[in-house]
Amino acid sequence: MQLIESPSSDIKKNQVVDILELINLTWPDDDKAKPLEEKVTGFYDDHPEKICYCLYKDKELVGYAESIPLTIKIEKNWLKALGLGGLNVHPDWRVKRYGKAILEAVLKKIDSGEYPFCIFQTGIPNFYEKLGCKVIKNKFINSNNQVDPFKNPFWDEYVMVYPASAQWPTGTADLRREGF
């Protein structure tokens, strides 16, 4: 197994195609009309500051995640955090702790003190709770959403933070961007 961490700008086009195909296995792409080239461009344009985590077994991409540096406003305070997005493992390779390995690589940035928190959304909180994360109950908004700034920018049922021991602030949290 080889886990490669790199800025999205360093990811080659053929790697992006592999990433998009892997993501499609977990979250099917409903937009069949959009050309592949446009989807590849969208990968680079979507959170260009993201760091990509690609897990390979031999030369096959078997897992992926991305981290995104954030500055969140909670009530009147600004909070630096790292966002986790798109963690997934190829269905043929699940239950082999590959997701855990990828997540731990992302969380090293918290454990080393580079960021105080990691925040993300999920539909499967039990997986993350076993790895030291906890569900948080803040109301989330996106003040940069011109249509509906009070709409929750996350779409999954749960928002979580790492570490579970974190003194995460209460109150309305302005993500100031769409979810990830």
N, C-alpha and C. Protein backbone atom coordinates (compact mmCIF):
# COMPACT_ATOMS: atom_id res chain seq x y z
N MET A 1 0.85 -1.18 0.00
CA MET A 1 0.00 0.00 0.00
C MET A 1 0.89 1.24 0.00
N GLN A 2 0.45 2.21 -0.76
CA GLN A 2 1.17 3.48 -0.80
C GLN A 2 0.16 4.61 -0.70
N LEU A 3 0.32 5.46 0.30
CA LEU A 3 -0.55 6.63 0.48
C LEU A 3 0.22 7.86 0.05
N ILE A 4 -0.30 8.56 -0.95
CA ILE A 4 0.36 9.75 -1.48
C ILE A 4 -0.48 10.97 -1.13
N GLU A 5 0.16 11.94 -0.50
CA GLU A 5 -0.48 13.20 -0.12
C GLU A 5 0.09 14.29 -1.01
N SER A 6 -0.77 15.01 -1.71
CA SER A 6 -0.27 16.08 -2.58
C SER A 6 -1.34 17.13 -2.85
N PRO A 7 -0.91 18.37 -3.14
CA PRO A 7 -1.87 19.41 -3.53
C PRO A 7 -2.62 18.99 -4.80
N SER A 8 -3.85 19.41 -4.92
CA SER A 8 -4.65 19.03 -6.09
C SER A 8 -3.98 19.50 -7.39
N SER A 9 -3.25 20.59 -7.33
CA SER A 9 -2.57 21.10 -8.54
C SER A 9 -1.50 20.14 -9.04
N ASP A 10 -1.00 19.23 -8.18
CA ASP A 10 0.01 18.26 -8.58
C ASP A 10 -0.59 16.96 -9.12
N ILE A 11 -1.89 16.82 -9.02
CA ILE A 11 -2.55 15.60 -9.48
C ILE A 11 -2.69 15.66 -11.01
N LYS A 12 -2.23 14.63 -11.67
CA LYS A 12 -2.28 14.56 -13.14
C LYS A 12 -3.69 14.22 -13.61
N LYS A 13 -3.98 14.58 -14.85
CA LYS A 13 -5.32 14.39 -15.40
C LYS A 13 -5.77 12.92 -15.31
N ASN A 14 -4.89 11.97 -15.65
CA ASN A 14 -5.29 10.56 -15.59
C ASN A 14 -5.60 10.12 -14.16
N GLN A 15 -4.91 10.73 -13.17
CA GLN A 15 -5.20 10.44 -11.77
C GLN A 15 -6.56 11.01 -11.37
N VAL A 16 -6.89 12.19 -11.90
CA VAL A 16 -8.20 12.79 -11.62
C VAL A 16 -9.29 11.88 -12.15
N VAL A 17 -9.11 11.35 -13.35
CA VAL A 17 -10.11 10.43 -13.91
C VAL A 17 -10.28 9.22 -12.98
N ASP A 18 -9.19 8.67 -12.47
CA ASP A 18 -9.27 7.55 -11.53
C ASP A 18 -10.01 7.95 -10.25
N ILE A 19 -9.72 9.15 -9.75
CA ILE A 19 -10.38 9.65 -8.54
C ILE A 19 -11.87 9.79 -8.79
N LEU A 20 -12.24 10.41 -9.91
CA LEU A 20 -13.66 10.59 -10.23
C LEU A 20 -14.38 9.25 -10.38
N GLU A 21 -13.73 8.27 -10.99
CA GLU A 21 -14.33 6.94 -11.12
C GLU A 21 -14.52 6.29 -9.75
N LEU A 22 -13.55 6.44 -8.86
CA LEU A 22 -13.67 5.89 -7.51
C LEU A 22 -14.80 6.58 -6.75
N ILE A 23 -14.84 7.90 -6.79
CA ILE A 23 -15.89 8.64 -6.10
C ILE A 23 -17.26 8.23 -6.62
N ASN A 24 -17.35 7.99 -7.94
CA ASN A 24 -18.61 7.60 -8.56
C ASN A 24 -19.13 6.26 -8.02
N LEU A 25 -18.25 5.41 -7.55
CA LEU A 25 -18.67 4.13 -6.97
C LEU A 25 -19.39 4.33 -5.64
N THR A 26 -19.02 5.38 -4.91
CA THR A 26 -19.64 5.68 -3.62
C THR A 26 -20.81 6.64 -3.77
N TRP A 27 -20.60 7.68 -4.55
CA TRP A 27 -21.62 8.70 -4.78
C TRP A 27 -21.83 8.82 -6.28
N PRO A 28 -22.75 8.04 -6.84
CA PRO A 28 -22.94 8.03 -8.31
C PRO A 28 -23.19 9.42 -8.88
N ASP A 29 -22.55 9.68 -10.00
CA ASP A 29 -22.66 10.95 -10.72
C ASP A 29 -23.93 10.93 -11.55
N ASP A 30 -24.87 11.78 -11.21
CA ASP A 30 -26.14 11.84 -11.93
C ASP A 30 -26.04 12.63 -13.23
N ASP A 31 -24.97 13.39 -13.38
CA ASP A 31 -24.83 14.25 -14.57
C ASP A 31 -24.11 13.51 -15.68
N LYS A 32 -24.87 12.70 -16.40
CA LYS A 32 -24.29 11.89 -17.49
C LYS A 32 -23.99 12.73 -18.72
N ALA A 33 -24.61 13.91 -18.83
CA ALA A 33 -24.44 14.75 -20.03
C ALA A 33 -23.14 15.56 -19.99
N LYS A 34 -22.60 15.79 -18.79
CA LYS A 34 -21.39 16.61 -18.68
C LYS A 34 -20.19 15.84 -19.22
N PRO A 35 -19.44 16.43 -20.14
CA PRO A 35 -18.26 15.75 -20.68
C PRO A 35 -17.19 15.51 -19.60
N LEU A 36 -16.42 14.44 -19.76
CA LEU A 36 -15.38 14.09 -18.80
C LEU A 36 -14.39 15.24 -18.61
N GLU A 37 -14.02 15.90 -19.68
CA GLU A 37 -13.06 17.01 -19.59
C GLU A 37 -13.57 18.10 -18.66
N GLU A 38 -14.87 18.35 -18.71
CA GLU A 38 -15.47 19.37 -17.84
C GLU A 38 -15.46 18.91 -16.38
N LYS A 39 -15.66 17.62 -16.15
CA LYS A 39 -15.60 17.08 -14.79
C LYS A 39 -14.18 17.16 -14.23
N VAL A 40 -13.20 16.90 -15.09
CA VAL A 40 -11.80 17.00 -14.67
C VAL A 40 -11.48 18.45 -14.30
N THR A 41 -11.89 19.38 -15.13
CA THR A 41 -11.68 20.80 -14.83
C THR A 41 -12.35 21.16 -13.52
N GLY A 42 -13.56 20.64 -13.30
CA GLY A 42 -14.28 20.90 -12.05
C GLY A 42 -13.53 20.40 -10.83
N PHE A 43 -12.82 19.28 -10.98
CA PHE A 43 -12.03 18.75 -9.87
C PHE A 43 -10.98 19.77 -9.43
N TYR A 44 -10.30 20.36 -10.41
CA TYR A 44 -9.26 21.35 -10.09
C TYR A 44 -9.86 22.65 -9.56
N ASP A 45 -11.03 23.03 -10.07
CA ASP A 45 -11.66 24.29 -9.66
C ASP A 45 -12.33 24.20 -8.29
N ASP A 46 -12.79 23.01 -7.92
CA ASP A 46 -13.49 22.81 -6.65
C ASP A 46 -12.47 22.76 -5.52
N HIS A 47 -12.45 23.77 -4.70
CA HIS A 47 -11.52 23.88 -3.58
C HIS A 47 -10.07 23.69 -4.05
N PRO A 48 -9.56 24.62 -4.87
CA PRO A 48 -8.20 24.45 -5.42
C PRO A 48 -7.10 24.36 -4.36
N GLU A 49 -7.40 24.76 -3.16
CA GLU A 49 -6.40 24.71 -2.08
C GLU A 49 -6.36 23.34 -1.39
N LYS A 50 -7.19 22.41 -1.85
CA LYS A 50 -7.28 21.11 -1.17
C LYS A 50 -6.01 20.28 -1.33
N ILE A 51 -5.81 19.43 -0.34
CA ILE A 51 -4.75 18.43 -0.37
C ILE A 51 -5.43 17.08 -0.61
N CYS A 52 -4.90 16.32 -1.55
CA CYS A 52 -5.48 15.03 -1.92
C CYS A 52 -4.69 13.90 -1.28
N TYR A 53 -5.40 12.89 -0.84
CA TYR A 53 -4.82 11.70 -0.23
C TYR A 53 -5.25 10.51 -1.10
N CYS A 54 -4.32 9.94 -1.83
CA CYS A 54 -4.60 8.84 -2.74
C CYS A 54 -3.92 7.58 -2.22
N LEU A 55 -4.72 6.54 -1.98
CA LEU A 55 -4.20 5.28 -1.49
C LEU A 55 -4.18 4.27 -2.63
N TYR A 56 -2.99 3.74 -2.91
CA TYR A 56 -2.80 2.80 -4.01
C TYR A 56 -2.42 1.43 -3.47
N LYS A 57 -2.98 0.41 -4.10
CA LYS A 57 -2.53 -0.98 -3.89
C LYS A 57 -1.98 -1.40 -5.24
N ASP A 58 -0.71 -1.65 -5.28
CA ASP A 58 0.01 -1.81 -6.55
C ASP A 58 -0.18 -0.49 -7.30
N LYS A 59 -0.80 -0.50 -8.45
CA LYS A 59 -1.01 0.76 -9.18
C LYS A 59 -2.47 1.16 -9.24
N GLU A 60 -3.30 0.44 -8.46
CA GLU A 60 -4.74 0.70 -8.46
C GLU A 60 -5.11 1.65 -7.33
N LEU A 61 -5.87 2.70 -7.66
CA LEU A 61 -6.38 3.61 -6.65
C LEU A 61 -7.49 2.90 -5.90
N VAL A 62 -7.30 2.70 -4.60
CA VAL A 62 -8.29 1.98 -3.79
C VAL A 62 -8.95 2.88 -2.74
N GLY A 63 -8.40 4.07 -2.52
CA GLY A 63 -8.99 4.97 -1.54
C GLY A 63 -8.60 6.41 -1.81
N TYR A 64 -9.44 7.32 -1.33
CA TYR A 64 -9.21 8.74 -1.59
C TYR A 64 -9.89 9.58 -0.51
N ALA A 65 -9.30 10.73 -0.23
CA ALA A 65 -9.92 11.77 0.59
C ALA A 65 -9.23 13.08 0.26
N GLU A 66 -9.82 14.17 0.72
CA GLU A 66 -9.19 15.48 0.55
C GLU A 66 -9.38 16.28 1.82
N SER A 67 -8.41 17.15 2.08
CA SER A 67 -8.51 18.07 3.22
C SER A 67 -8.46 19.50 2.68
N ILE A 68 -9.21 20.36 3.37
CA ILE A 68 -9.38 21.73 2.91
C ILE A 68 -9.17 22.68 4.10
N PRO A 69 -8.18 23.59 4.01
CA PRO A 69 -8.00 24.57 5.09
C PRO A 69 -9.22 25.50 5.17
N LEU A 70 -9.69 25.75 6.37
CA LEU A 70 -10.88 26.56 6.58
C LEU A 70 -10.66 27.63 7.63
N THR A 71 -11.42 28.70 7.53
CA THR A 71 -11.58 29.65 8.61
C THR A 71 -13.08 29.82 8.78
N ILE A 72 -13.59 29.36 9.91
CA ILE A 72 -15.02 29.36 10.20
C ILE A 72 -15.31 30.45 11.22
N LYS A 73 -16.45 31.09 11.06
CA LYS A 73 -16.88 32.09 12.05
C LYS A 73 -17.99 31.47 12.90
N ILE A 74 -17.74 31.40 14.22
CA ILE A 74 -18.75 30.90 15.15
C ILE A 74 -19.09 32.05 16.08
N GLU A 75 -20.34 32.50 15.92
CA GLU A 75 -20.80 33.72 16.58
C GLU A 75 -19.85 34.86 16.19
N LYS A 76 -19.06 35.40 17.12
CA LYS A 76 -18.17 36.52 16.78
C LYS A 76 -16.70 36.11 16.74
N ASN A 77 -16.44 34.83 16.81
CA ASN A 77 -15.06 34.34 16.85
C ASN A 77 -14.69 33.62 15.56
N TRP A 78 -13.43 33.76 15.16
CA TRP A 78 -12.90 33.10 13.97
C TRP A 78 -12.13 31.87 14.42
N LEU A 79 -12.32 30.78 13.71
CA LEU A 79 -11.73 29.51 14.09
C LEU A 79 -11.05 28.86 12.89
N LYS A 80 -9.79 28.53 13.04
CA LYS A 80 -9.06 27.81 12.00
C LYS A 80 -9.37 26.32 12.16
N ALA A 81 -9.61 25.65 11.04
CA ALA A 81 -9.91 24.22 11.07
C ALA A 81 -9.50 23.58 9.75
N LEU A 82 -9.49 22.29 9.73
CA LEU A 82 -9.22 21.54 8.51
C LEU A 82 -10.48 20.77 8.16
N GLY A 83 -10.97 20.94 6.94
CA GLY A 83 -12.15 20.21 6.50
C GLY A 83 -11.73 18.89 5.87
N LEU A 84 -12.51 17.86 6.09
CA LEU A 84 -12.30 16.55 5.47
C LEU A 84 -13.41 16.32 4.48
N GLY A 85 -13.08 15.98 3.26
CA GLY A 85 -14.10 15.71 2.25
C GLY A 85 -13.80 14.48 1.44
N GLY A 86 -14.86 13.84 0.99
CA GLY A 86 -14.76 12.77 0.00
C GLY A 86 -14.03 11.51 0.42
N LEU A 87 -13.97 11.20 1.71
CA LEU A 87 -13.29 9.97 2.12
C LEU A 87 -14.07 8.78 1.60
N ASN A 88 -13.42 7.98 0.77
CA ASN A 88 -14.07 6.76 0.30
C ASN A 88 -13.05 5.72 -0.11
N VAL A 89 -13.49 4.48 -0.07
CA VAL A 89 -12.66 3.34 -0.42
C VAL A 89 -13.42 2.51 -1.44
N HIS A 90 -12.70 1.98 -2.41
CA HIS A 90 -13.31 1.13 -3.44
C HIS A 90 -14.08 0.00 -2.74
N PRO A 91 -15.31 -0.30 -3.21
CA PRO A 91 -16.11 -1.34 -2.56
C PRO A 91 -15.40 -2.69 -2.41
N ASP A 92 -14.54 -3.04 -3.34
CA ASP A 92 -13.81 -4.32 -3.25
C ASP A 92 -12.76 -4.32 -2.14
N TRP A 93 -12.43 -3.16 -1.61
CA TRP A 93 -11.35 -3.06 -0.63
C TRP A 93 -11.82 -2.53 0.72
N ARG A 94 -13.13 -2.44 0.91
CA ARG A 94 -13.65 -1.97 2.20
C ARG A 94 -13.45 -3.05 3.26
N VAL A 95 -13.54 -2.66 4.51
CA VAL A 95 -13.39 -3.52 5.68
C VAL A 95 -11.96 -4.06 5.79
N LYS A 96 -11.01 -3.33 5.24
CA LYS A 96 -9.60 -3.71 5.35
C LYS A 96 -8.80 -2.60 6.05
N ARG A 97 -9.51 -1.65 6.64
CA ARG A 97 -8.91 -0.54 7.39
C ARG A 97 -8.23 0.49 6.50
N TYR A 98 -8.56 0.49 5.21
CA TYR A 98 -7.97 1.48 4.32
C TYR A 98 -8.55 2.86 4.59
N GLY A 99 -9.84 2.94 4.86
CA GLY A 99 -10.45 4.22 5.21
C GLY A 99 -9.83 4.80 6.47
N LYS A 100 -9.60 3.94 7.44
CA LYS A 100 -8.95 4.36 8.68
C LYS A 100 -7.56 4.91 8.40
N ALA A 101 -6.79 4.22 7.54
CA ALA A 101 -5.43 4.66 7.22
C ALA A 101 -5.44 6.05 6.56
N ILE A 102 -6.38 6.27 5.65
CA ILE A 102 -6.48 7.58 4.99
C ILE A 102 -6.87 8.64 6.01
N LEU A 103 -7.88 8.35 6.82
CA LEU A 103 -8.34 9.31 7.83
C LEU A 103 -7.21 9.66 8.79
N GLU A 104 -6.46 8.67 9.24
CA GLU A 104 -5.36 8.95 10.16
C GLU A 104 -4.30 9.84 9.53
N ALA A 105 -4.07 9.72 8.22
CA ALA A 105 -3.11 10.60 7.54
C ALA A 105 -3.59 12.04 7.58
N VAL A 106 -4.89 12.24 7.39
CA VAL A 106 -5.45 13.61 7.46
C VAL A 106 -5.37 14.13 8.89
N LEU A 107 -5.73 13.29 9.85
CA LEU A 107 -5.79 13.74 11.25
C LEU A 107 -4.42 14.00 11.86
N LYS A 108 -3.36 13.54 11.22
CA LYS A 108 -2.00 13.86 11.71
C LYS A 108 -1.78 15.37 11.74
N LYS A 109 -2.45 16.09 10.85
CA LYS A 109 -2.31 17.55 10.83
C LYS A 109 -2.93 18.18 12.07
N ILE A 110 -3.89 17.51 12.66
CA ILE A 110 -4.48 17.98 13.92
C ILE A 110 -3.58 17.57 15.08
N ASP A 111 -3.20 16.30 15.08
CA ASP A 111 -2.37 15.78 16.17
C ASP A 111 -1.02 16.49 16.27
N SER A 112 -0.51 16.98 15.14
CA SER A 112 0.78 17.69 15.15
C SER A 112 0.63 19.16 15.55
N GLY A 113 -0.62 19.64 15.67
CA GLY A 113 -0.86 21.03 16.06
C GLY A 113 -0.96 21.99 14.88
N GLU A 114 -0.88 21.48 13.66
CA GLU A 114 -1.00 22.37 12.49
C GLU A 114 -2.39 23.01 12.42
N TYR A 115 -3.41 22.26 12.82
CA TYR A 115 -4.79 22.75 12.92
C TYR A 115 -5.35 22.27 14.25
N PRO A 116 -6.24 23.07 14.87
CA PRO A 116 -6.80 22.62 16.15
C PRO A 116 -7.93 21.60 15.99
N PHE A 117 -8.60 21.60 14.83
CA PHE A 117 -9.76 20.74 14.64
C PHE A 117 -9.82 20.25 13.20
N CYS A 118 -10.51 19.14 13.01
CA CYS A 118 -10.93 18.68 11.69
C CYS A 118 -12.45 18.61 11.73
N ILE A 119 -13.10 19.13 10.72
CA ILE A 119 -14.56 19.14 10.66
C ILE A 119 -15.01 18.52 9.35
N PHE A 120 -16.13 17.80 9.40
CA PHE A 120 -16.64 17.13 8.20
C PHE A 120 -18.08 16.71 8.41
N GLN A 121 -18.71 16.31 7.33
CA GLN A 121 -20.07 15.79 7.37
C GLN A 121 -20.04 14.31 7.02
N THR A 122 -21.04 13.58 7.50
CA THR A 122 -21.10 12.15 7.21
C THR A 122 -22.51 11.61 7.45
N GLY A 123 -22.77 10.49 6.87
CA GLY A 123 -23.99 9.75 7.16
C GLY A 123 -23.70 8.54 8.04
N ILE A 124 -22.42 8.30 8.35
CA ILE A 124 -22.02 7.12 9.13
C ILE A 124 -21.15 7.53 10.32
N PRO A 125 -21.74 8.16 11.33
CA PRO A 125 -20.93 8.67 12.44
C PRO A 125 -20.24 7.58 13.26
N ASN A 126 -20.79 6.37 13.31
CA ASN A 126 -20.18 5.32 14.14
C ASN A 126 -18.75 5.02 13.71
N PHE A 127 -18.48 4.99 12.41
CA PHE A 127 -17.13 4.74 11.91
C PHE A 127 -16.16 5.77 12.49
N TYR A 128 -16.55 7.03 12.45
CA TYR A 128 -15.68 8.12 12.89
C TYR A 128 -15.58 8.20 14.42
N GLU A 129 -16.65 7.88 15.12
CA GLU A 129 -16.60 7.91 16.58
C GLU A 129 -15.57 6.92 17.11
N LYS A 130 -15.45 5.77 16.45
CA LYS A 130 -14.46 4.77 16.86
C LYS A 130 -13.04 5.28 16.69
N LEU A 131 -12.86 6.32 15.86
CA LEU A 131 -11.53 6.86 15.58
C LEU A 131 -11.28 8.20 16.26
N GLY A 132 -12.13 8.52 17.25
CA GLY A 132 -11.86 9.70 18.07
C GLY A 132 -12.56 10.98 17.65
N CYS A 133 -13.62 10.86 16.88
CA CYS A 133 -14.39 12.03 16.45
C CYS A 133 -15.71 12.09 17.22
N LYS A 134 -16.37 13.25 17.19
CA LYS A 134 -17.69 13.37 17.83
C LYS A 134 -18.61 14.21 16.97
N VAL A 135 -19.91 13.94 17.12
CA VAL A 135 -20.95 14.71 16.44
C VAL A 135 -21.08 16.05 17.15
N ILE A 136 -21.23 17.11 16.37
CA ILE A 136 -21.50 18.45 16.93
C ILE A 136 -22.87 18.90 16.46
N LYS A 137 -23.48 19.80 17.21
CA LYS A 137 -24.88 20.17 16.97
C LYS A 137 -25.08 21.62 16.53
N ASN A 138 -24.02 22.31 16.14
CA ASN A 138 -24.16 23.70 15.73
C ASN A 138 -25.12 23.83 14.55
N LYS A 139 -25.73 25.00 14.44
CA LYS A 139 -26.44 25.35 13.22
C LYS A 139 -25.36 25.88 12.26
N PHE A 140 -25.34 25.37 11.02
CA PHE A 140 -24.36 25.79 10.03
C PHE A 140 -25.03 26.62 8.95
N ILE A 141 -24.35 27.72 8.57
CA ILE A 141 -24.82 28.59 7.50
C ILE A 141 -23.65 28.88 6.56
N ASN A 142 -23.97 29.53 5.45
CA ASN A 142 -22.95 29.98 4.49
C ASN A 142 -23.29 31.41 4.10
N SER A 143 -22.67 32.36 4.76
CA SER A 143 -22.99 33.78 4.51
C SER A 143 -22.62 34.20 3.09
N ASN A 144 -21.85 33.40 2.37
CA ASN A 144 -21.49 33.73 0.98
C ASN A 144 -22.49 33.16 -0.03
N ASN A 145 -23.50 32.47 0.44
CA ASN A 145 -24.56 31.97 -0.44
C ASN A 145 -25.50 33.14 -0.73
N GLN A 146 -25.47 33.63 -1.95
CA GLN A 146 -26.25 34.81 -2.33
C GLN A 146 -27.75 34.54 -2.37
N VAL A 147 -28.16 33.30 -2.58
CA VAL A 147 -29.57 32.96 -2.67
C VAL A 147 -30.18 32.72 -1.30
N ASP A 148 -29.50 31.93 -0.47
CA ASP A 148 -30.03 31.59 0.85
C ASP A 148 -28.88 31.40 1.84
N PRO A 149 -28.38 32.48 2.42
CA PRO A 149 -27.22 32.38 3.31
C PRO A 149 -27.48 31.57 4.58
N PHE A 150 -28.74 31.34 4.91
CA PHE A 150 -29.04 30.60 6.14
C PHE A 150 -29.30 29.12 5.88
N LYS A 151 -29.17 28.70 4.63
CA LYS A 151 -29.32 27.28 4.28
C LYS A 151 -28.06 26.54 4.73
N ASN A 152 -28.26 25.38 5.31
CA ASN A 152 -27.14 24.56 5.77
C ASN A 152 -26.26 24.19 4.57
N PRO A 153 -24.97 24.51 4.58
CA PRO A 153 -24.09 24.17 3.46
C PRO A 153 -23.74 22.68 3.40
N PHE A 154 -24.01 21.95 4.47
CA PHE A 154 -23.77 20.51 4.49
C PHE A 154 -25.05 19.78 4.09
N TRP A 155 -24.91 18.62 3.47
CA TRP A 155 -26.09 17.86 3.04
C TRP A 155 -26.25 16.55 3.80
N ASP A 156 -25.18 16.06 4.45
CA ASP A 156 -25.32 14.84 5.23
C ASP A 156 -25.95 15.15 6.59
N GLU A 157 -26.46 14.10 7.22
CA GLU A 157 -27.20 14.27 8.47
C GLU A 157 -26.33 14.72 9.64
N TYR A 158 -25.08 14.29 9.66
CA TYR A 158 -24.22 14.57 10.82
C TYR A 158 -23.02 15.43 10.42
N VAL A 159 -22.67 16.35 11.32
CA VAL A 159 -21.42 17.09 11.21
C VAL A 159 -20.59 16.67 12.42
N MET A 160 -19.32 16.37 12.14
CA MET A 160 -18.45 15.85 13.20
C MET A 160 -17.17 16.67 13.28
N VAL A 161 -16.51 16.51 14.42
CA VAL A 161 -15.25 17.19 14.65
C VAL A 161 -14.27 16.21 15.30
N TYR A 162 -13.02 16.41 14.98
CA TYR A 162 -11.93 15.67 15.61
C TYR A 162 -11.01 16.71 16.24
N PRO A 163 -10.53 16.47 17.43
CA PRO A 163 -10.71 15.30 18.29
C PRO A 163 -12.01 15.38 19.10
N ALA A 164 -12.46 14.21 19.57
CA ALA A 164 -13.68 14.16 20.38
C ALA A 164 -13.52 14.95 21.67
N SER A 165 -12.29 15.11 22.13
CA SER A 165 -12.02 15.86 23.37
C SER A 165 -12.04 17.37 23.14
N ALA A 166 -12.21 17.80 21.90
CA ALA A 166 -12.15 19.23 21.57
C ALA A 166 -13.24 20.01 22.29
N GLN A 167 -12.88 21.20 22.70
CA GLN A 167 -13.85 22.14 23.27
C GLN A 167 -14.42 22.95 22.12
N TRP A 168 -15.27 22.31 21.33
CA TRP A 168 -15.85 22.94 20.15
C TRP A 168 -16.88 23.97 20.61
N PRO A 169 -16.83 25.21 20.09
CA PRO A 169 -17.76 26.25 20.52
C PRO A 169 -19.21 25.96 20.11
N THR A 170 -20.14 26.47 20.90
CA THR A 170 -21.56 26.38 20.56
C THR A 170 -21.94 27.62 19.76
N GLY A 171 -23.12 27.60 19.19
CA GLY A 171 -23.62 28.75 18.44
C GLY A 171 -23.62 28.49 16.95
N THR A 172 -24.11 29.50 16.22
CA THR A 172 -24.20 29.40 14.77
C THR A 172 -22.80 29.45 14.16
N ALA A 173 -22.53 28.50 13.28
CA ALA A 173 -21.22 28.40 12.63
C ALA A 173 -21.37 28.77 11.16
N ASP A 174 -20.66 29.81 10.75
CA ASP A 174 -20.68 30.26 9.36
C ASP A 174 -19.49 29.62 8.64
N LEU A 175 -19.80 28.64 7.80
CA LEU A 175 -18.76 27.94 7.05
C LEU A 175 -18.15 28.84 5.98
N ARG A 176 -18.91 29.84 5.55
CA ARG A 176 -18.50 30.85 4.55
C ARG A 176 -18.17 30.22 3.19
N ARG A 177 -18.75 29.06 2.92
CA ARG A 177 -18.56 28.34 1.66
C ARG A 177 -19.55 27.19 1.62
N GLU A 178 -19.62 26.53 0.49
CA GLU A 178 -20.43 25.33 0.37
C GLU A 178 -19.76 24.20 1.14
N GLY A 179 -20.52 23.18 1.44
CA GLY A 179 -19.98 22.02 2.15
C GLY A 179 -19.01 21.25 1.26
N PHE A 180 -18.40 20.27 1.84
CA PHE A 180 -17.37 19.49 1.15
C PHE A 180 -17.50 18.05 1.59
